Amino acid sequence: MTPTSQFQNTNLLPEEDLLNAVLADLKRTVREYTTATTESACPSVRQMFNQLTDSTLQLQGQLFQVMSSHNMYTAPSKAIRTEVDKKLQEAQQTQQKVQQFTQQRTAQFNGNVQASQPNSQPNMGSQNYS
């Protein structure tokens, strides 16, 4: 037996474990691409990370379908509707608090900027009122 054929017969990880590792890595990659998208100031970089996110999500979905069709992926138990509604309500409340906080800070910032500007009258030109 040659070393190559011996290596081919030896599985380092069962196929299901290997696919689960790849699936987990794809999920992590999507999170990182999403973070990079939200933090990019350059439109072309933002678009690139959007495209990477989309293609990675498609690949993750395809892998999930293959694993699911071969009973390699156990879906989590179904969520209780009241628990989902509770989490949704909590998320909406958090979003509302963030919006209020942002509006308050923006108003304070704008007020501080206006207060720090010297009182100057707009230049009306050289008008003679005699």
N, C-alpha and C. Protein backbone atom coordinates (compact mmCIF):
# COMPACT_ATOMS: atom_id res chain seq x y z
N MET A 1 0.85 -1.17 0.00
CA MET A 1 0.00 0.00 0.00
C MET A 1 0.90 1.24 0.00
N THR A 2 0.61 2.15 -0.91
CA THR A 2 1.42 3.37 -0.99
C THR A 2 0.98 4.36 0.08
N PRO A 3 1.86 5.28 0.45
CA PRO A 3 1.49 6.27 1.46
C PRO A 3 0.28 7.10 1.05
N THR A 4 0.15 7.37 -0.26
CA THR A 4 -0.98 8.18 -0.72
C THR A 4 -2.29 7.44 -0.52
N SER A 5 -2.35 6.17 -0.91
CA SER A 5 -3.60 5.42 -0.74
C SER A 5 -3.90 5.18 0.73
N GLN A 6 -2.85 5.03 1.53
CA GLN A 6 -3.06 4.86 2.97
C GLN A 6 -3.67 6.13 3.56
N PHE A 7 -3.18 7.30 3.12
CA PHE A 7 -3.71 8.57 3.60
C PHE A 7 -5.17 8.75 3.18
N GLN A 8 -5.49 8.34 1.97
CA GLN A 8 -6.85 8.49 1.48
C GLN A 8 -7.83 7.63 2.27
N ASN A 9 -7.40 6.52 2.78
CA ASN A 9 -8.29 5.64 3.53
C ASN A 9 -8.47 6.08 4.98
N THR A 10 -7.63 6.98 5.44
CA THR A 10 -7.70 7.43 6.82
C THR A 10 -8.47 8.74 6.88
N ASN A 11 -9.62 8.72 7.52
CA ASN A 11 -10.38 9.94 7.69
C ASN A 11 -9.95 10.62 8.98
N LEU A 12 -9.53 11.87 8.88
CA LEU A 12 -9.13 12.60 10.06
C LEU A 12 -10.36 12.99 10.88
N LEU A 13 -11.41 13.35 10.21
CA LEU A 13 -12.68 13.71 10.85
C LEU A 13 -13.80 13.06 10.08
N PRO A 14 -14.83 12.62 10.76
CA PRO A 14 -16.00 12.13 10.03
C PRO A 14 -16.57 13.27 9.17
N GLU A 15 -17.14 12.90 8.05
CA GLU A 15 -17.65 13.89 7.10
C GLU A 15 -18.62 14.87 7.75
N GLU A 16 -19.51 14.37 8.60
CA GLU A 16 -20.50 15.24 9.26
C GLU A 16 -19.81 16.28 10.13
N ASP A 17 -18.79 15.88 10.87
CA ASP A 17 -18.06 16.83 11.73
C ASP A 17 -17.34 17.87 10.89
N LEU A 18 -16.75 17.44 9.79
CA LEU A 18 -16.06 18.35 8.91
C LEU A 18 -17.03 19.38 8.32
N LEU A 19 -18.18 18.91 7.85
CA LEU A 19 -19.17 19.82 7.28
C LEU A 19 -19.73 20.78 8.34
N ASN A 20 -19.92 20.29 9.56
CA ASN A 20 -20.37 21.18 10.64
C ASN A 20 -19.33 22.27 10.93
N ALA A 21 -18.06 21.92 10.86
CA ALA A 21 -17.00 22.91 11.07
C ALA A 21 -17.01 23.95 9.96
N VAL A 22 -17.18 23.50 8.72
CA VAL A 22 -17.25 24.44 7.59
C VAL A 22 -18.48 25.33 7.73
N LEU A 23 -19.61 24.76 8.10
CA LEU A 23 -20.84 25.54 8.28
C LEU A 23 -20.66 26.60 9.37
N ALA A 24 -20.06 26.22 10.48
CA ALA A 24 -19.81 27.17 11.57
C ALA A 24 -18.87 28.28 11.11
N ASP A 25 -17.87 27.92 10.31
CA ASP A 25 -16.94 28.93 9.81
C ASP A 25 -17.63 29.89 8.85
N LEU A 26 -18.52 29.38 8.02
CA LEU A 26 -19.27 30.25 7.11
C LEU A 26 -20.15 31.23 7.89
N LYS A 27 -20.78 30.75 8.95
CA LYS A 27 -21.60 31.63 9.79
C LYS A 27 -20.74 32.73 10.41
N ARG A 28 -19.57 32.36 10.91
CA ARG A 28 -18.66 33.34 11.51
C ARG A 28 -18.20 34.36 10.46
N THR A 29 -17.88 33.87 9.28
CA THR A 29 -17.43 34.75 8.21
C THR A 29 -18.51 35.76 7.84
N VAL A 30 -19.76 35.32 7.77
CA VAL A 30 -20.86 36.24 7.47
C VAL A 30 -20.95 37.34 8.52
N ARG A 31 -20.81 36.96 9.80
CA ARG A 31 -20.85 37.97 10.87
C ARG A 31 -19.72 38.99 10.69
N GLU A 32 -18.53 38.51 10.37
CA GLU A 32 -17.39 39.41 10.21
C GLU A 32 -17.56 40.30 8.98
N TYR A 33 -18.06 39.76 7.88
CA TYR A 33 -18.31 40.58 6.70
C TYR A 33 -19.37 41.63 6.99
N THR A 34 -20.40 41.25 7.73
CA THR A 34 -21.46 42.21 8.07
C THR A 34 -20.90 43.34 8.92
N THR A 35 -20.06 43.00 9.88
CA THR A 35 -19.43 44.03 10.71
C THR A 35 -18.56 44.94 9.84
N ALA A 36 -17.79 44.36 8.96
CA ALA A 36 -16.94 45.16 8.07
C ALA A 36 -17.79 46.07 7.19
N THR A 37 -18.93 45.58 6.72
CA THR A 37 -19.82 46.39 5.90
C THR A 37 -20.32 47.60 6.67
N THR A 38 -20.76 47.37 7.90
CA THR A 38 -21.32 48.48 8.67
C THR A 38 -20.26 49.48 9.11
N GLU A 39 -19.00 49.06 9.15
CA GLU A 39 -17.94 49.96 9.59
C GLU A 39 -17.19 50.62 8.45
N SER A 40 -17.48 50.26 7.19
CA SER A 40 -16.75 50.87 6.09
C SER A 40 -17.31 52.23 5.72
N ALA A 41 -16.39 53.16 5.55
CA ALA A 41 -16.78 54.51 5.14
C ALA A 41 -16.72 54.66 3.62
N CYS A 42 -15.91 53.87 2.98
CA CYS A 42 -15.73 53.94 1.53
C CYS A 42 -16.83 53.14 0.84
N PRO A 43 -17.59 53.77 -0.07
CA PRO A 43 -18.70 53.07 -0.74
C PRO A 43 -18.26 51.82 -1.51
N SER A 44 -17.10 51.85 -2.16
CA SER A 44 -16.69 50.66 -2.93
C SER A 44 -16.29 49.51 -2.00
N VAL A 45 -15.67 49.83 -0.87
CA VAL A 45 -15.33 48.78 0.11
C VAL A 45 -16.60 48.22 0.71
N ARG A 46 -17.54 49.11 1.01
CA ARG A 46 -18.83 48.67 1.57
C ARG A 46 -19.55 47.74 0.60
N GLN A 47 -19.55 48.10 -0.69
CA GLN A 47 -20.19 47.26 -1.71
C GLN A 47 -19.50 45.90 -1.82
N MET A 48 -18.15 45.91 -1.74
CA MET A 48 -17.41 44.65 -1.82
C MET A 48 -17.80 43.73 -0.67
N PHE A 49 -17.87 44.27 0.57
CA PHE A 49 -18.24 43.44 1.71
C PHE A 49 -19.70 42.99 1.62
N ASN A 50 -20.57 43.81 1.05
CA ASN A 50 -21.96 43.39 0.82
C ASN A 50 -22.00 42.19 -0.12
N GLN A 51 -21.22 42.25 -1.20
CA GLN A 51 -21.18 41.14 -2.15
C GLN A 51 -20.59 39.88 -1.52
N LEU A 52 -19.54 40.05 -0.73
CA LEU A 52 -18.95 38.90 -0.04
C LEU A 52 -19.95 38.28 0.94
N THR A 53 -20.69 39.14 1.64
CA THR A 53 -21.70 38.64 2.58
C THR A 53 -22.76 37.84 1.83
N ASP A 54 -23.26 38.41 0.73
CA ASP A 54 -24.30 37.72 -0.05
C ASP A 54 -23.82 36.37 -0.58
N SER A 55 -22.63 36.34 -1.16
CA SER A 55 -22.15 35.07 -1.73
C SER A 55 -21.87 34.04 -0.62
N THR A 56 -21.39 34.50 0.53
CA THR A 56 -21.15 33.58 1.64
C THR A 56 -22.46 33.05 2.19
N LEU A 57 -23.49 33.90 2.26
CA LEU A 57 -24.81 33.44 2.70
C LEU A 57 -25.38 32.39 1.75
N GLN A 58 -25.18 32.59 0.45
CA GLN A 58 -25.66 31.61 -0.53
C GLN A 58 -24.93 30.28 -0.35
N LEU A 59 -23.63 30.34 -0.17
CA LEU A 59 -22.84 29.13 0.03
C LEU A 59 -23.26 28.43 1.32
N GLN A 60 -23.46 29.20 2.38
CA GLN A 60 -23.90 28.63 3.65
C GLN A 60 -25.27 27.96 3.49
N GLY A 61 -26.17 28.60 2.76
CA GLY A 61 -27.50 28.02 2.53
C GLY A 61 -27.43 26.72 1.74
N GLN A 62 -26.57 26.68 0.73
CA GLN A 62 -26.41 25.46 -0.06
C GLN A 62 -25.84 24.32 0.79
N LEU A 63 -24.84 24.64 1.60
CA LEU A 63 -24.26 23.61 2.47
C LEU A 63 -25.29 23.11 3.47
N PHE A 64 -26.06 24.03 4.03
CA PHE A 64 -27.11 23.63 4.97
C PHE A 64 -28.10 22.68 4.30
N GLN A 65 -28.53 22.99 3.08
CA GLN A 65 -29.49 22.15 2.37
C GLN A 65 -28.93 20.74 2.15
N VAL A 66 -27.67 20.66 1.75
CA VAL A 66 -27.04 19.35 1.54
C VAL A 66 -26.98 18.58 2.85
N MET A 67 -26.54 19.25 3.90
CA MET A 67 -26.43 18.58 5.20
C MET A 67 -27.81 18.14 5.70
N SER A 68 -28.78 19.00 5.54
CA SER A 68 -30.14 18.69 6.00
C SER A 68 -30.72 17.50 5.23
N SER A 69 -30.48 17.46 3.92
CA SER A 69 -31.02 16.36 3.11
C SER A 69 -30.36 15.02 3.46
N HIS A 70 -29.18 15.06 4.05
CA HIS A 70 -28.48 13.83 4.46
C HIS A 70 -28.56 13.61 5.98
N ASN A 71 -29.50 14.29 6.60
CA ASN A 71 -29.71 14.18 8.06
C ASN A 71 -28.43 14.44 8.86
N MET A 72 -27.66 15.41 8.40
CA MET A 72 -26.42 15.77 9.09
C MET A 72 -26.58 17.03 9.92
N TYR A 73 -27.73 17.63 9.85
CA TYR A 73 -27.96 18.88 10.59
C TYR A 73 -29.26 18.75 11.34
N THR A 74 -29.19 18.90 12.63
CA THR A 74 -30.39 18.83 13.45
C THR A 74 -30.87 20.25 13.72
N ALA A 75 -32.04 20.54 13.23
CA ALA A 75 -32.60 21.88 13.45
C ALA A 75 -32.95 22.05 14.92
N PRO A 76 -32.78 23.27 15.42
CA PRO A 76 -33.15 23.50 16.81
C PRO A 76 -34.65 23.30 17.00
N SER A 77 -35.03 23.06 18.24
CA SER A 77 -36.46 22.88 18.50
C SER A 77 -37.20 24.17 18.20
N LYS A 78 -38.47 24.03 17.89
CA LYS A 78 -39.26 25.20 17.53
C LYS A 78 -39.40 26.13 18.73
N ALA A 79 -39.33 27.41 18.44
CA ALA A 79 -39.44 28.41 19.50
C ALA A 79 -40.90 28.61 19.88
N ILE A 80 -41.10 28.92 21.12
CA ILE A 80 -42.45 29.23 21.61
C ILE A 80 -42.79 30.65 21.15
N ARG A 81 -43.97 30.79 20.57
CA ARG A 81 -44.37 32.07 19.99
C ARG A 81 -44.29 33.22 21.00
N THR A 82 -44.72 32.97 22.23
CA THR A 82 -44.69 34.04 23.23
C THR A 82 -43.25 34.46 23.53
N GLU A 83 -42.32 33.52 23.49
CA GLU A 83 -40.91 33.86 23.73
C GLU A 83 -40.35 34.70 22.58
N VAL A 84 -40.73 34.34 21.36
CA VAL A 84 -40.30 35.11 20.19
C VAL A 84 -40.87 36.52 20.27
N ASP A 85 -42.15 36.64 20.60
CA ASP A 85 -42.78 37.95 20.73
C ASP A 85 -42.10 38.79 21.81
N LYS A 86 -41.74 38.16 22.90
CA LYS A 86 -41.08 38.86 24.01
C LYS A 86 -39.72 39.40 23.55
N LYS A 87 -38.95 38.57 22.86
CA LYS A 87 -37.63 39.00 22.37
C LYS A 87 -37.77 40.11 21.34
N LEU A 88 -38.78 40.02 20.49
CA LEU A 88 -39.02 41.05 19.50
C LEU A 88 -39.36 42.37 20.17
N GLN A 89 -40.21 42.32 21.19
CA GLN A 89 -40.58 43.53 21.92
C GLN A 89 -39.36 44.14 22.61
N GLU A 90 -38.51 43.31 23.19
CA GLU A 90 -37.29 43.80 23.84
C GLU A 90 -36.38 44.48 22.82
N ALA A 91 -36.26 43.89 21.65
CA ALA A 91 -35.41 44.47 20.61
C ALA A 91 -35.97 45.80 20.13
N GLN A 92 -37.30 45.89 20.00
CA GLN A 92 -37.92 47.14 19.58
C GLN A 92 -37.74 48.23 20.63
N GLN A 93 -37.84 47.86 21.91
CA GLN A 93 -37.63 48.83 22.99
C GLN A 93 -36.18 49.32 22.99
N THR A 94 -35.25 48.42 22.78
CA THR A 94 -33.84 48.81 22.71
C THR A 94 -33.60 49.74 21.55
N GLN A 95 -34.20 49.44 20.41
CA GLN A 95 -34.05 50.28 19.23
C GLN A 95 -34.62 51.67 19.50
N GLN A 96 -35.76 51.75 20.16
CA GLN A 96 -36.38 53.03 20.48
C GLN A 96 -35.48 53.84 21.43
N LYS A 97 -34.91 53.18 22.43
CA LYS A 97 -34.01 53.86 23.37
C LYS A 97 -32.78 54.40 22.65
N VAL A 98 -32.24 53.62 21.73
CA VAL A 98 -31.07 54.06 20.97
C VAL A 98 -31.42 55.27 20.12
N GLN A 99 -32.58 55.25 19.47
CA GLN A 99 -33.00 56.39 18.66
C GLN A 99 -33.17 57.64 19.52
N GLN A 100 -33.80 57.50 20.69
CA GLN A 100 -33.98 58.64 21.58
C GLN A 100 -32.64 59.18 22.05
N PHE A 101 -31.74 58.29 22.43
CA PHE A 101 -30.42 58.69 22.88
C PHE A 101 -29.68 59.44 21.77
N THR A 102 -29.74 58.90 20.55
CA THR A 102 -29.07 59.53 19.42
C THR A 102 -29.64 60.92 19.15
N GLN A 103 -30.96 61.05 19.19
CA GLN A 103 -31.59 62.35 18.96
C GLN A 103 -31.19 63.35 20.03
N GLN A 104 -31.17 62.91 21.30
CA GLN A 104 -30.78 63.80 22.39
C GLN A 104 -29.33 64.27 22.22
N ARG A 105 -28.45 63.33 21.94
CA ARG A 105 -27.03 63.69 21.79
C ARG A 105 -26.81 64.58 20.58
N THR A 106 -27.53 64.33 19.51
CA THR A 106 -27.41 65.17 18.33
C THR A 106 -27.88 66.58 18.64
N ALA A 107 -29.00 66.71 19.35
CA ALA A 107 -29.51 68.03 19.73
C ALA A 107 -28.53 68.74 20.65
N GLN A 108 -27.97 68.03 21.61
CA GLN A 108 -26.98 68.63 22.51
C GLN A 108 -25.74 69.07 21.74
N PHE A 109 -25.29 68.24 20.83
CA PHE A 109 -24.11 68.56 20.04
C PHE A 109 -24.37 69.81 19.21
N ASN A 110 -25.52 69.85 18.55
CA ASN A 110 -25.85 71.01 17.72
C ASN A 110 -25.98 72.27 18.57
N GLY A 111 -26.55 72.15 19.77
CA GLY A 111 -26.66 73.29 20.68
C GLY A 111 -25.30 73.77 21.13
N ASN A 112 -24.39 72.86 21.41
CA ASN A 112 -23.03 73.24 21.83
C ASN A 112 -22.26 73.90 20.70
N VAL A 113 -22.47 73.44 19.48
CA VAL A 113 -21.78 74.03 18.33
C VAL A 113 -22.26 75.45 18.13
N GLN A 114 -23.58 75.67 18.21
CA GLN A 114 -24.13 77.01 18.02
C GLN A 114 -23.69 77.94 19.15
N ALA A 115 -23.63 77.44 20.37
CA ALA A 115 -23.23 78.26 21.52
C ALA A 115 -21.76 78.65 21.44
N SER A 116 -20.94 77.84 20.81
CA SER A 116 -19.51 78.14 20.74
C SER A 116 -19.17 79.08 19.59
N GLN A 117 -20.09 79.32 18.69
CA GLN A 117 -19.83 80.23 17.58
C GLN A 117 -20.00 81.67 18.06
N PRO A 118 -19.11 82.57 17.63
CA PRO A 118 -19.23 83.97 18.06
C PRO A 118 -20.50 84.60 17.49
N ASN A 119 -21.04 85.54 18.26
CA ASN A 119 -22.23 86.26 17.78
C ASN A 119 -21.78 87.27 16.75
N SER A 120 -22.11 87.02 15.54
CA SER A 120 -21.75 87.96 14.48
C SER A 120 -22.98 88.21 13.64
N GLN A 121 -23.09 89.40 13.20
CA GLN A 121 -24.19 89.78 12.33
C GLN A 121 -23.80 89.48 10.90
N PRO A 122 -24.74 89.02 10.12
CA PRO A 122 -24.41 88.78 8.71
C PRO A 122 -24.06 90.09 8.03
N ASN A 123 -23.16 90.03 7.10
CA ASN A 123 -22.72 91.20 6.37
C ASN A 123 -23.82 91.63 5.42
N MET A 124 -24.34 92.83 5.64
CA MET A 124 -25.43 93.33 4.80
C MET A 124 -24.91 94.21 3.67
N GLY A 125 -23.63 94.29 3.53
CA GLY A 125 -23.08 95.14 2.49
C GLY A 125 -23.00 96.58 2.99
N SER A 126 -22.60 97.45 2.14
CA SER A 126 -22.46 98.86 2.55
C SER A 126 -23.72 99.60 2.13
N GLN A 127 -24.70 99.58 3.01
CA GLN A 127 -25.94 100.30 2.74
C GLN A 127 -25.95 101.60 3.53
N ASN A 128 -26.39 102.67 2.91
CA ASN A 128 -26.44 103.98 3.55
C ASN A 128 -27.89 104.29 3.86
N TYR A 129 -28.22 104.52 5.16
CA TYR A 129 -29.59 104.76 5.57
C TYR A 129 -29.81 106.23 5.91
N SER A 130 -29.08 107.17 5.38
CA SER A 130 -29.28 108.56 5.74
C SER A 130 -30.34 109.23 4.92
